[in-house]
Amino acid sequence: MYVQKIKIISADNHEILVKAVNPYQFEPKRATKNDIYVMWLMLQKIDLHIVKTYKKELLEDLKEIFKIMKNMPDGEDEKSFIDFIDKIIEKYQKLSGKNIGTNQLL
């Protein structure tokens, strides 16, 4: 199901996701294991029909997550980053009538 969600968000164009996870690089590189984990962390708690309905918004949220992740200052609290992801998940879960965030996964 995760792969299906990725395909929906990227419109079957992996370059879209590569650019999303590398917001500060002119020539984007492949996604790292951390990048894939962050996407999985977010998408596993969002229903497939919500991904289909809000794919553009989800892609923009993923871009924002990776902008923050790739530009996080030293000493920045990772908990605030996880809380940010959690708020995004909750936004989409409210649309589907669910409310389970990342903090329940950790």
PDB file of N, CA and C in Angstrom:
ATOM      1  N   MET A   1       0.829  -1.192   0.000  1.00  0.00           N
ATOM      2  CA  MET A   1       0.000   0.000   0.000  1.00  0.00           C
ATOM      3  C   MET A   1       0.875   1.259   0.000  1.00  0.00           C
ATOM      4  N   TYR A   2       2.008   1.231   0.704  1.00  0.00           N
ATOM      5  CA  TYR A   2       2.915   2.390   0.742  1.00  0.00           C
ATOM      6  C   TYR A   2       3.390   2.744  -0.665  1.00  0.00           C
ATOM      7  N   VAL A   3       3.797   1.737  -1.422  1.00  0.00           N
ATOM      8  CA  VAL A   3       4.288   1.965  -2.780  1.00  0.00           C
ATOM      9  C   VAL A   3       3.174   2.557  -3.640  1.00  0.00           C
ATOM     10  N   GLN A   4       1.975   2.072  -3.458  1.00  0.00           N
ATOM     11  CA  GLN A   4       0.835   2.602  -4.212  1.00  0.00           C
ATOM     12  C   GLN A   4       0.612   4.083  -3.875  1.00  0.00           C
ATOM     13  N   LYS A   5       0.739   4.438  -2.616  1.00  0.00           N
ATOM     14  CA  LYS A   5       0.575   5.834  -2.207  1.00  0.00           C
ATOM     15  C   LYS A   5       1.667   6.713  -2.815  1.00  0.00           C
ATOM     16  N   ILE A   6       2.885   6.209  -2.837  1.00  0.00           N
ATOM     17  CA  ILE A   6       4.001   6.944  -3.441  1.00  0.00           C
ATOM     18  C   ILE A   6       3.736   7.160  -4.930  1.00  0.00           C
ATOM     19  N   LYS A   7       3.257   6.127  -5.607  1.00  0.00           N
ATOM     20  CA  LYS A   7       2.960   6.247  -7.034  1.00  0.00           C
ATOM     21  C   LYS A   7       1.871   7.287  -7.286  1.00  0.00           C
ATOM     22  N   ILE A   8       0.885   7.327  -6.432  1.00  0.00           N
ATOM     23  CA  ILE A   8      -0.208   8.288  -6.586  1.00  0.00           C
ATOM     24  C   ILE A   8       0.324   9.711  -6.414  1.00  0.00           C
ATOM     25  N   ILE A   9       1.076   9.939  -5.361  1.00  0.00           N
ATOM     26  CA  ILE A   9       1.596  11.280  -5.088  1.00  0.00           C
ATOM     27  C   ILE A   9       2.548  11.739  -6.193  1.00  0.00           C
ATOM     28  N   SER A  10       3.354  10.832  -6.685  1.00  0.00           N
ATOM     29  CA  SER A  10       4.355  11.201  -7.689  1.00  0.00           C
ATOM     30  C   SER A  10       3.818  11.124  -9.115  1.00  0.00           C
ATOM     31  N   ALA A  11       2.589  10.686  -9.280  1.00  0.00           N
ATOM     32  CA  ALA A  11       2.002  10.499 -10.607  1.00  0.00           C
ATOM     33  C   ALA A  11       2.893   9.578 -11.449  1.00  0.00           C
ATOM     34  N   ASP A  12       3.462   8.563 -10.807  1.00  0.00           N
ATOM     35  CA  ASP A  12       4.352   7.584 -11.446  1.00  0.00           C
ATOM     36  C   ASP A  12       5.609   8.212 -12.063  1.00  0.00           C
ATOM     37  N   ASN A  13       5.991   9.373 -11.556  1.00  0.00           N
ATOM     38  CA  ASN A  13       7.209  10.050 -12.024  1.00  0.00           C
ATOM     39  C   ASN A  13       8.138  10.191 -10.822  1.00  0.00           C
ATOM     40  N   HIS A  14       9.124   9.302 -10.709  1.00  0.00           N
ATOM     41  CA  HIS A  14       9.980   9.295  -9.520  1.00  0.00           C
ATOM     42  C   HIS A  14      10.775  10.596  -9.373  1.00  0.00           C
ATOM     43  N   GLU A  15      10.969  11.325 -10.462  1.00  0.00           N
ATOM     44  CA  GLU A  15      11.703  12.600 -10.395  1.00  0.00           C
ATOM     45  C   GLU A  15      10.980  13.620  -9.512  1.00  0.00           C
ATOM     46  N   ILE A  16       9.668  13.547  -9.471  1.00  0.00           N
ATOM     47  CA  ILE A  16       8.890  14.455  -8.617  1.00  0.00           C
ATOM     48  C   ILE A  16       9.270  14.252  -7.158  1.00  0.00           C
ATOM     49  N   LEU A  17       9.369  13.001  -6.736  1.00  0.00           N
ATOM     50  CA  LEU A  17       9.741  12.719  -5.347  1.00  0.00           C
ATOM     51  C   LEU A  17      11.206  13.008  -5.089  1.00  0.00           C
ATOM     52  N   VAL A  18      12.064  12.726  -6.050  1.00  0.00           N
ATOM     53  CA  VAL A  18      13.490  13.008  -5.880  1.00  0.00           C
ATOM     54  C   VAL A  18      13.686  14.506  -5.650  1.00  0.00           C
ATOM     55  N   LYS A  19      12.979  15.327  -6.402  1.00  0.00           N
ATOM     56  CA  LYS A  19      13.076  16.786  -6.207  1.00  0.00           C
ATOM     57  C   LYS A  19      12.474  17.207  -4.869  1.00  0.00           C
ATOM     58  N   ALA A  20      11.417  16.533  -4.449  1.00  0.00           N
ATOM     59  CA  ALA A  20      10.777  16.873  -3.176  1.00  0.00           C
ATOM     60  C   ALA A  20      11.694  16.588  -1.990  1.00  0.00           C
ATOM     61  N   VAL A  21      12.445  15.485  -2.038  1.00  0.00           N
ATOM     62  CA  VAL A  21      13.304  15.129  -0.907  1.00  0.00           C
ATOM     63  C   VAL A  21      14.656  15.839  -0.957  1.00  0.00           C
ATOM     64  N   ASN A  22      14.954  16.519  -2.045  1.00  0.00           N
ATOM     65  CA  ASN A  22      16.214  17.264  -2.195  1.00  0.00           C
ATOM     66  C   ASN A  22      15.921  18.725  -2.540  1.00  0.00           C
ATOM     67  N   PRO A  23      15.283  19.453  -1.639  1.00  0.00           N
ATOM     68  CA  PRO A  23      14.819  20.800  -1.988  1.00  0.00           C
ATOM     69  C   PRO A  23      15.922  21.823  -2.249  1.00  0.00           C
ATOM     70  N   TYR A  24      17.131  21.575  -1.789  1.00  0.00           N
ATOM     71  CA  TYR A  24      18.194  22.569  -1.905  1.00  0.00           C
ATOM     72  C   TYR A  24      19.284  22.175  -2.890  1.00  0.00           C
ATOM     73  N   GLN A  25      19.019  21.198  -3.734  1.00  0.00           N
ATOM     74  CA  GLN A  25      20.039  20.760  -4.678  1.00  0.00           C
ATOM     75  C   GLN A  25      19.576  21.010  -6.103  1.00  0.00           C
ATOM     76  N   PHE A  26      20.465  21.616  -6.893  1.00  0.00           N
ATOM     77  CA  PHE A  26      20.157  21.875  -8.295  1.00  0.00           C
ATOM     78  C   PHE A  26      20.017  20.562  -9.061  1.00  0.00           C
ATOM     79  N   GLU A  27      20.908  19.628  -8.790  1.00  0.00           N
ATOM     80  CA  GLU A  27      20.869  18.285  -9.375  1.00  0.00           C
ATOM     81  C   GLU A  27      20.502  17.308  -8.263  1.00  0.00           C
ATOM     82  N   PRO A  28      19.212  17.050  -8.052  1.00  0.00           N
ATOM     83  CA  PRO A  28      18.799  16.170  -6.951  1.00  0.00           C
ATOM     84  C   PRO A  28      19.401  14.778  -7.048  1.00  0.00           C
ATOM     85  N   LYS A  29      19.702  14.227  -5.885  1.00  0.00           N
ATOM     86  CA  LYS A  29      20.220  12.868  -5.781  1.00  0.00           C
ATOM     87  C   LYS A  29      19.084  11.931  -5.392  1.00  0.00           C
ATOM     88  N   ARG A  30      19.376  10.656  -5.395  1.00  0.00           N
ATOM     89  CA  ARG A  30      18.378   9.678  -4.979  1.00  0.00           C
ATOM     90  C   ARG A  30      17.996   9.894  -3.519  1.00  0.00           C
ATOM     91  N   ALA A  31      16.835   9.395  -3.171  1.00  0.00           N
ATOM     92  CA  ALA A  31      16.378   9.482  -1.786  1.00  0.00           C
ATOM     93  C   ALA A  31      17.223   8.573  -0.901  1.00  0.00           C
ATOM     94  N   THR A  32      17.475   9.021   0.320  1.00  0.00           N
ATOM     95  CA  THR A  32      18.221   8.220   1.284  1.00  0.00           C
ATOM     96  C   THR A  32      17.243   7.328   2.061  1.00  0.00           C
ATOM     97  N   LYS A  33      17.805   6.436   2.858  1.00  0.00           N
ATOM     98  CA  LYS A  33      16.958   5.599   3.716  1.00  0.00           C
ATOM     99  C   LYS A  33      16.152   6.456   4.684  1.00  0.00           C
ATOM    100  N   ASN A  34      16.760   7.517   5.203  1.00  0.00           N
ATOM    101  CA  ASN A  34      16.041   8.420   6.102  1.00  0.00           C
ATOM    102  C   ASN A  34      14.875   9.089   5.391  1.00  0.00           C
ATOM    103  N   ASP A  35      15.086   9.504   4.152  1.00  0.00           N
ATOM    104  CA  ASP A  35      14.020  10.137   3.375  1.00  0.00           C
ATOM    105  C   ASP A  35      12.844   9.171   3.196  1.00  0.00           C
ATOM    106  N   ILE A  36      13.160   7.950   2.858  1.00  0.00           N
ATOM    107  CA  ILE A  36      12.124   6.936   2.648  1.00  0.00           C
ATOM    108  C   ILE A  36      11.394   6.651   3.953  1.00  0.00           C
ATOM    109  N   TYR A  37      12.133   6.597   5.046  1.00  0.00           N
ATOM    110  CA  TYR A  37      11.504   6.349   6.344  1.00  0.00           C
ATOM    111  C   TYR A  37      10.555   7.484   6.713  1.00  0.00           C
ATOM    112  N   VAL A  38      10.963   8.724   6.496  1.00  0.00           N
ATOM    113  CA  VAL A  38      10.106   9.865   6.824  1.00  0.00           C
ATOM    114  C   VAL A  38       8.826   9.824   5.984  1.00  0.00           C
ATOM    115  N   MET A  39       8.952   9.506   4.705  1.00  0.00           N
ATOM    116  CA  MET A  39       7.754   9.387   3.858  1.00  0.00           C
ATOM    117  C   MET A  39       6.852   8.263   4.355  1.00  0.00           C
ATOM    118  N   TRP A  40       7.466   7.125   4.699  1.00  0.00           N
ATOM    119  CA  TRP A  40       6.685   6.004   5.212  1.00  0.00           C
ATOM    120  C   TRP A  40       5.985   6.381   6.513  1.00  0.00           C
ATOM    121  N   LEU A  41       6.713   7.044   7.398  1.00  0.00           N
ATOM    122  CA  LEU A  41       6.167   7.459   8.686  1.00  0.00           C
ATOM    123  C   LEU A  41       4.911   8.291   8.492  1.00  0.00           C
ATOM    124  N   MET A  42       4.957   9.172   7.525  1.00  0.00           N
ATOM    125  CA  MET A  42       3.812  10.039   7.266  1.00  0.00           C
ATOM    126  C   MET A  42       2.683   9.293   6.551  1.00  0.00           C
ATOM    127  N   LEU A  43       3.023   8.587   5.497  1.00  0.00           N
ATOM    128  CA  LEU A  43       1.988   8.009   4.633  1.00  0.00           C
ATOM    129  C   LEU A  43       1.319   6.768   5.191  1.00  0.00           C
ATOM    130  N   GLN A  44       1.972   6.055   6.080  1.00  0.00           N
ATOM    131  CA  GLN A  44       1.363   4.825   6.590  1.00  0.00           C
ATOM    132  C   GLN A  44       0.100   5.090   7.396  1.00  0.00           C
ATOM    133  N   LYS A  45      -0.034   6.260   7.947  1.00  0.00           N
ATOM    134  CA  LYS A  45      -1.193   6.581   8.776  1.00  0.00           C
ATOM    135  C   LYS A  45      -2.273   7.357   8.037  1.00  0.00           C
ATOM    136  N   ILE A  46      -2.097   7.514   6.721  1.00  0.00           N
ATOM    137  CA  ILE A  46      -3.071   8.255   5.927  1.00  0.00           C
ATOM    138  C   ILE A  46      -3.758   7.277   4.977  1.00  0.00           C
ATOM    139  N   ASP A  47      -5.079   7.284   4.990  1.00  0.00           N
ATOM    140  CA  ASP A  47      -5.854   6.364   4.159  1.00  0.00           C
ATOM    141  C   ASP A  47      -5.595   6.594   2.671  1.00  0.00           C
ATOM    142  N   LEU A  48      -5.710   5.533   1.911  1.00  0.00           N
ATOM    143  CA  LEU A  48      -5.469   5.579   0.476  1.00  0.00           C
ATOM    144  C   LEU A  48      -6.406   6.560  -0.229  1.00  0.00           C
ATOM    145  N   HIS A  49      -7.672   6.571   0.144  1.00  0.00           N
ATOM    146  CA  HIS A  49      -8.602   7.491  -0.522  1.00  0.00           C
ATOM    147  C   HIS A  49      -8.252   8.953  -0.240  1.00  0.00           C
ATOM    148  N   ILE A  50      -7.678   9.230   0.914  1.00  0.00           N
ATOM    149  CA  ILE A  50      -7.230  10.593   1.234  1.00  0.00           C
ATOM    150  C   ILE A  50      -6.013  10.935   0.376  1.00  0.00           C
ATOM    151  N   VAL A  51      -5.110   9.983   0.182  1.00  0.00           N
ATOM    152  CA  VAL A  51      -3.943  10.205  -0.671  1.00  0.00           C
ATOM    153  C   VAL A  51      -4.398  10.516  -2.096  1.00  0.00           C
ATOM    154  N   LYS A  52      -5.379   9.765  -2.593  1.00  0.00           N
ATOM    155  CA  LYS A  52      -5.882  10.008  -3.944  1.00  0.00           C
ATOM    156  C   LYS A  52      -6.536  11.382  -4.057  1.00  0.00           C
ATOM    157  N   THR A  53      -7.283  11.763  -3.050  1.00  0.00           N
ATOM    158  CA  THR A  53      -8.022  13.023  -3.080  1.00  0.00           C
ATOM    159  C   THR A  53      -7.123  14.237  -2.887  1.00  0.00           C
ATOM    160  N   TYR A  54      -6.125  14.111  -2.029  1.00  0.00           N
ATOM    161  CA  TYR A  54      -5.287  15.256  -1.658  1.00  0.00           C
ATOM    162  C   TYR A  54      -3.829  15.072  -2.070  1.00  0.00           C
ATOM    163  N   LYS A  55      -3.601  14.426  -3.198  1.00  0.00           N
ATOM    164  CA  LYS A  55      -2.229  14.112  -3.604  1.00  0.00           C
ATOM    165  C   LYS A  55      -1.368  15.357  -3.815  1.00  0.00           C
ATOM    166  N   LYS A  56      -1.910  16.414  -4.359  1.00  0.00           N
ATOM    167  CA  LYS A  56      -1.128  17.643  -4.562  1.00  0.00           C
ATOM    168  C   LYS A  56      -0.749  18.270  -3.223  1.00  0.00           C
ATOM    169  N   GLU A  57      -1.702  18.299  -2.307  1.00  0.00           N
ATOM    170  CA  GLU A  57      -1.440  18.860  -0.987  1.00  0.00           C
ATOM    171  C   GLU A  57      -0.414  18.019  -0.232  1.00  0.00           C
ATOM    172  N   LEU A  58      -0.534  16.700  -0.348  1.00  0.00           N
ATOM    173  CA  LEU A  58       0.429  15.806   0.307  1.00  0.00           C
ATOM    174  C   LEU A  58       1.830  16.003  -0.246  1.00  0.00           C
ATOM    175  N   LEU A  59       1.948  16.172  -1.543  1.00  0.00           N
ATOM    176  CA  LEU A  59       3.260  16.417  -2.140  1.00  0.00           C
ATOM    177  C   LEU A  59       3.847  17.725  -1.610  1.00  0.00           C
ATOM    178  N   GLU A  60       3.031  18.758  -1.505  1.00  0.00           N
ATOM    179  CA  GLU A  60       3.518  20.031  -0.966  1.00  0.00           C
ATOM    180  C   GLU A  60       3.932  19.890   0.494  1.00  0.00           C
ATOM    181  N   ASP A  61       3.171  19.117   1.269  1.00  0.00           N
ATOM    182  CA  ASP A  61       3.537  18.883   2.664  1.00  0.00           C
ATOM    183  C   ASP A  61       4.842  18.095   2.761  1.00  0.00           C
ATOM    184  N   LEU A  62       5.022  17.112   1.889  1.00  0.00           N
ATOM    185  CA  LEU A  62       6.290  16.365   1.871  1.00  0.00           C
ATOM    186  C   LEU A  62       7.454  17.293   1.537  1.00  0.00           C
ATOM    187  N   LYS A  63       7.263  18.175   0.582  1.00  0.00           N
ATOM    188  CA  LYS A  63       8.315  19.135   0.236  1.00  0.00           C
ATOM    189  C   LYS A  63       8.678  19.991   1.448  1.00  0.00           C
ATOM    190  N   GLU A  64       7.669  20.445   2.166  1.00  0.00           N
ATOM    191  CA  GLU A  64       7.918  21.276   3.350  1.00  0.00           C
ATOM    192  C   GLU A  64       8.655  20.485   4.430  1.00  0.00           C
ATOM    193  N   ILE A  65       8.268  19.242   4.630  1.00  0.00           N
ATOM    194  CA  ILE A  65       8.945  18.384   5.608  1.00  0.00           C
ATOM    195  C   ILE A  65      10.423  18.259   5.262  1.00  0.00           C
ATOM    196  N   PHE A  66      10.724  18.015   3.998  1.00  0.00           N
ATOM    197  CA  PHE A  66      12.123  17.831   3.604  1.00  0.00           C
ATOM    198  C   PHE A  66      12.905  19.138   3.602  1.00  0.00           C
ATOM    199  N   LYS A  67      12.245  20.254   3.373  1.00  0.00           N
ATOM    200  CA  LYS A  67      12.929  21.549   3.508  1.00  0.00           C
ATOM    201  C   LYS A  67      13.383  21.744   4.943  1.00  0.00           C
ATOM    202  N   ILE A  68      12.503  21.434   5.865  1.00  0.00           N
ATOM    203  CA  ILE A  68      12.851  21.567   7.285  1.00  0.00           C
ATOM    204  C   ILE A  68      13.918  20.541   7.658  1.00  0.00           C
ATOM    205  N   MET A  69      13.725  19.310   7.241  1.00  0.00           N
ATOM    206  CA  MET A  69      14.647  18.226   7.600  1.00  0.00           C
ATOM    207  C   MET A  69      16.056  18.481   7.061  1.00  0.00           C
ATOM    208  N   LYS A  70      16.160  18.967   5.831  1.00  0.00           N
ATOM    209  CA  LYS A  70      17.463  19.157   5.203  1.00  0.00           C
ATOM    210  C   LYS A  70      18.139  20.460   5.624  1.00  0.00           C
ATOM    211  N   ASN A  71      17.420  21.293   6.354  1.00  0.00           N
ATOM    212  CA  ASN A  71      17.979  22.576   6.770  1.00  0.00           C
ATOM    213  C   ASN A  71      17.863  22.762   8.284  1.00  0.00           C
ATOM    214  N   MET A  72      17.775  21.649   9.014  1.00  0.00           N
ATOM    215  CA  MET A  72      17.611  21.727  10.467  1.00  0.00           C
ATOM    216  C   MET A  72      18.929  22.146  11.114  1.00  0.00           C
ATOM    217  N   PRO A  73      18.900  23.233  11.873  1.00  0.00           N
ATOM    218  CA  PRO A  73      20.134  23.685  12.533  1.00  0.00           C
ATOM    219  C   PRO A  73      20.635  22.668  13.554  1.00  0.00           C
ATOM    220  N   ASP A  74      21.949  22.657  13.754  1.00  0.00           N
ATOM    221  CA  ASP A  74      22.533  21.795  14.779  1.00  0.00           C
ATOM    222  C   ASP A  74      21.913  22.121  16.125  1.00  0.00           C
ATOM    223  N   GLY A  75      21.646  21.099  16.876  1.00  0.00           N
ATOM    224  CA  GLY A  75      21.081  21.283  18.211  1.00  0.00           C
ATOM    225  C   GLY A  75      19.575  21.453  18.210  1.00  0.00           C
ATOM    226  N   GLU A  76      18.963  21.498  17.031  1.00  0.00           N
ATOM    227  CA  GLU A  76      17.504  21.615  16.955  1.00  0.00           C
ATOM    228  C   GLU A  76      16.884  20.338  17.508  1.00  0.00           C
ATOM    229  N   ASP A  77      15.836  20.496  18.235  1.00  0.00           N
ATOM    230  CA  ASP A  77      15.154  19.376  18.868  1.00  0.00           C
ATOM    231  C   ASP A  77      14.408  18.543  17.821  1.00  0.00           C
ATOM    232  N   GLU A  78      14.758  17.263  17.714  1.00  0.00           N
ATOM    233  CA  GLU A  78      14.089  16.386  16.760  1.00  0.00           C
ATOM    234  C   GLU A  78      12.617  16.210  17.105  1.00  0.00           C
ATOM    235  N   LYS A  79      12.294  16.357  18.389  1.00  0.00           N
ATOM    236  CA  LYS A  79      10.905  16.209  18.800  1.00  0.00           C
ATOM    237  C   LYS A  79      10.024  17.245  18.116  1.00  0.00           C
ATOM    238  N   SER A  80      10.515  18.460  17.946  1.00  0.00           N
ATOM    239  CA  SER A  80       9.706  19.478  17.278  1.00  0.00           C
ATOM    240  C   SER A  80       9.475  19.111  15.811  1.00  0.00           C
ATOM    241  N   PHE A  81      10.457  18.467  15.193  1.00  0.00           N
ATOM    242  CA  PHE A  81      10.295  18.008  13.812  1.00  0.00           C
ATOM    243  C   PHE A  81       9.245  16.902  13.729  1.00  0.00           C
ATOM    244  N   ILE A  82       9.308  15.956  14.655  1.00  0.00           N
ATOM    245  CA  ILE A  82       8.322  14.874  14.700  1.00  0.00           C
ATOM    246  C   ILE A  82       6.938  15.439  14.982  1.00  0.00           C
ATOM    247  N   ASP A  83       6.853  16.429  15.869  1.00  0.00           N
ATOM    248  CA  ASP A  83       5.564  17.068  16.148  1.00  0.00           C
ATOM    249  C   ASP A  83       4.998  17.740  14.898  1.00  0.00           C
ATOM    250  N   PHE A  84       5.876  18.346  14.084  1.00  0.00           N
ATOM    251  CA  PHE A  84       5.445  18.965  12.838  1.00  0.00           C
ATOM    252  C   PHE A  84       4.847  17.916  11.895  1.00  0.00           C
ATOM    253  N   ILE A  85       5.514  16.789  11.760  1.00  0.00           N
ATOM    254  CA  ILE A  85       5.004  15.703  10.920  1.00  0.00           C
ATOM    255  C   ILE A  85       3.678  15.198  11.482  1.00  0.00           C
ATOM    256  N   ASP A  86       3.617  15.093  12.793  1.00  0.00           N
ATOM    257  CA  ASP A  86       2.404  14.620  13.450  1.00  0.00           C
ATOM    258  C   ASP A  86       1.218  15.531  13.139  1.00  0.00           C
ATOM    259  N   LYS A  87       1.435  16.828  13.126  1.00  0.00           N
ATOM    260  CA  LYS A  87       0.350  17.778  12.820  1.00  0.00           C
ATOM    261  C   LYS A  87      -0.133  17.603  11.381  1.00  0.00           C
ATOM    262  N   ILE A  88       0.782  17.336  10.478  1.00  0.00           N
ATOM    263  CA  ILE A  88       0.391  17.107   9.091  1.00  0.00           C
ATOM    264  C   ILE A  88      -0.440  15.823   8.989  1.00  0.00           C
ATOM    265  N   ILE A  89       0.007  14.773   9.656  1.00  0.00           N
ATOM    266  CA  ILE A  89      -0.738  13.513   9.651  1.00  0.00           C
ATOM    267  C   ILE A  89      -2.136  13.726  10.216  1.00  0.00           C
ATOM    268  N   GLU A  90      -2.226  14.430  11.325  1.00  0.00           N
ATOM    269  CA  GLU A  90      -3.520  14.671  11.963  1.00  0.00           C
ATOM    270  C   GLU A  90      -4.463  15.436  11.041  1.00  0.00           C
ATOM    271  N   LYS A  91      -3.911  16.374  10.270  1.00  0.00           N
ATOM    272  CA  LYS A  91      -4.734  17.142   9.319  1.00  0.00           C
ATOM    273  C   LYS A  91      -5.435  16.193   8.344  1.00  0.00           C
ATOM    274  N   TYR A  92      -4.703  15.229   7.808  1.00  0.00           N
ATOM    275  CA  TYR A  92      -5.290  14.296   6.843  1.00  0.00           C
ATOM    276  C   TYR A  92      -6.150  13.239   7.515  1.00  0.00           C
ATOM    277  N   GLN A  93      -5.807  12.866   8.727  1.00  0.00           N
ATOM    278  CA  GLN A  93      -6.623  11.882   9.433  1.00  0.00           C
ATOM    279  C   GLN A  93      -7.981  12.457   9.805  1.00  0.00           C
ATOM    280  N   LYS A  94      -8.017  13.740  10.104  1.00  0.00           N
ATOM    281  CA  LYS A  94      -9.310  14.369  10.397  1.00  0.00           C
ATOM    282  C   LYS A  94     -10.222  14.302   9.180  1.00  0.00           C
ATOM    283  N   LEU A  95      -9.636  14.387   8.003  1.00  0.00           N
ATOM    284  CA  LEU A  95     -10.426  14.300   6.777  1.00  0.00           C
ATOM    285  C   LEU A  95     -11.009  12.906   6.582  1.00  0.00           C
ATOM    286  N   SER A  96     -10.342  11.896   7.154  1.00  0.00           N
ATOM    287  CA  SER A  96     -10.835  10.523   7.018  1.00  0.00           C
ATOM    288  C   SER A  96     -11.509  10.022   8.289  1.00  0.00           C
ATOM    289  N   GLY A  97     -11.585  10.873   9.303  1.00  0.00           N
ATOM    290  CA  GLY A  97     -12.241  10.474  10.544  1.00  0.00           C
ATOM    291  C   GLY A  97     -11.360   9.719  11.509  1.00  0.00           C
ATOM    292  N   LYS A  98     -10.033   9.708  11.276  1.00  0.00           N
ATOM    293  CA  LYS A  98      -9.093   9.034  12.173  1.00  0.00           C
ATOM    294  C   LYS A  98      -8.215  10.079  12.831  1.00  0.00           C
ATOM    295  N   ASN A  99      -7.527   9.671  13.899  1.00  0.00           N
ATOM    296  CA  ASN A  99      -6.620  10.595  14.558  1.00  0.00           C
ATOM    297  C   ASN A  99      -5.530   9.820  15.294  1.00  0.00           C
ATOM    298  N   ILE A 100      -4.566   9.286  14.549  1.00  0.00           N
ATOM    299  CA  ILE A 100      -3.446   8.547  15.122  1.00  0.00           C
ATOM    300  C   ILE A 100      -2.183   9.160  14.560  1.00  0.00           C
ATOM    301  N   GLY A 101      -1.362   9.771  15.411  1.00  0.00           N
ATOM    302  CA  GLY A 101      -0.155  10.433  14.935  1.00  0.00           C
ATOM    303  C   GLY A 101       1.099   9.601  15.066  1.00  0.00           C
ATOM    304  N   THR A 102       2.233  10.200  14.717  1.00  0.00           N
ATOM    305  CA  THR A 102       3.507   9.496  14.765  1.00  0.00           C
ATOM    306  C   THR A 102       3.932   9.204  16.188  1.00  0.00           C
ATOM    307  N   ASN A 103       3.562  10.038  17.141  1.00  0.00           N
ATOM    308  CA  ASN A 103       4.007   9.827  18.506  1.00  0.00           C
ATOM    309  C   ASN A 103       3.546   8.473  19.038  1.00  0.00           C
ATOM    310  N   GLN A 104       2.468   7.952  18.496  1.00  0.00           N
ATOM    311  CA  GLN A 104       2.001   6.640  18.921  1.00  0.00           C
ATOM    312  C   GLN A 104       2.811   5.528  18.252  1.00  0.00           C
ATOM    313  N   LEU A 105       3.619   5.875  17.261  1.00  0.00           N
ATOM    314  CA  LEU A 105       4.455   4.887  16.600  1.00  0.00           C
ATOM    315  C   LEU A 105       5.796   4.747  17.292  1.00  0.00           C
ATOM    316  N   LEU A 106       6.253   5.801  17.934  1.00  0.00           N
ATOM    317  CA  LEU A 106       7.619   5.830  18.492  1.00  0.00           C
ATOM    318  C   LEU A 106       7.675   5.216  19.858  1.00  0.00           C
TER     319      LEU A 106
END
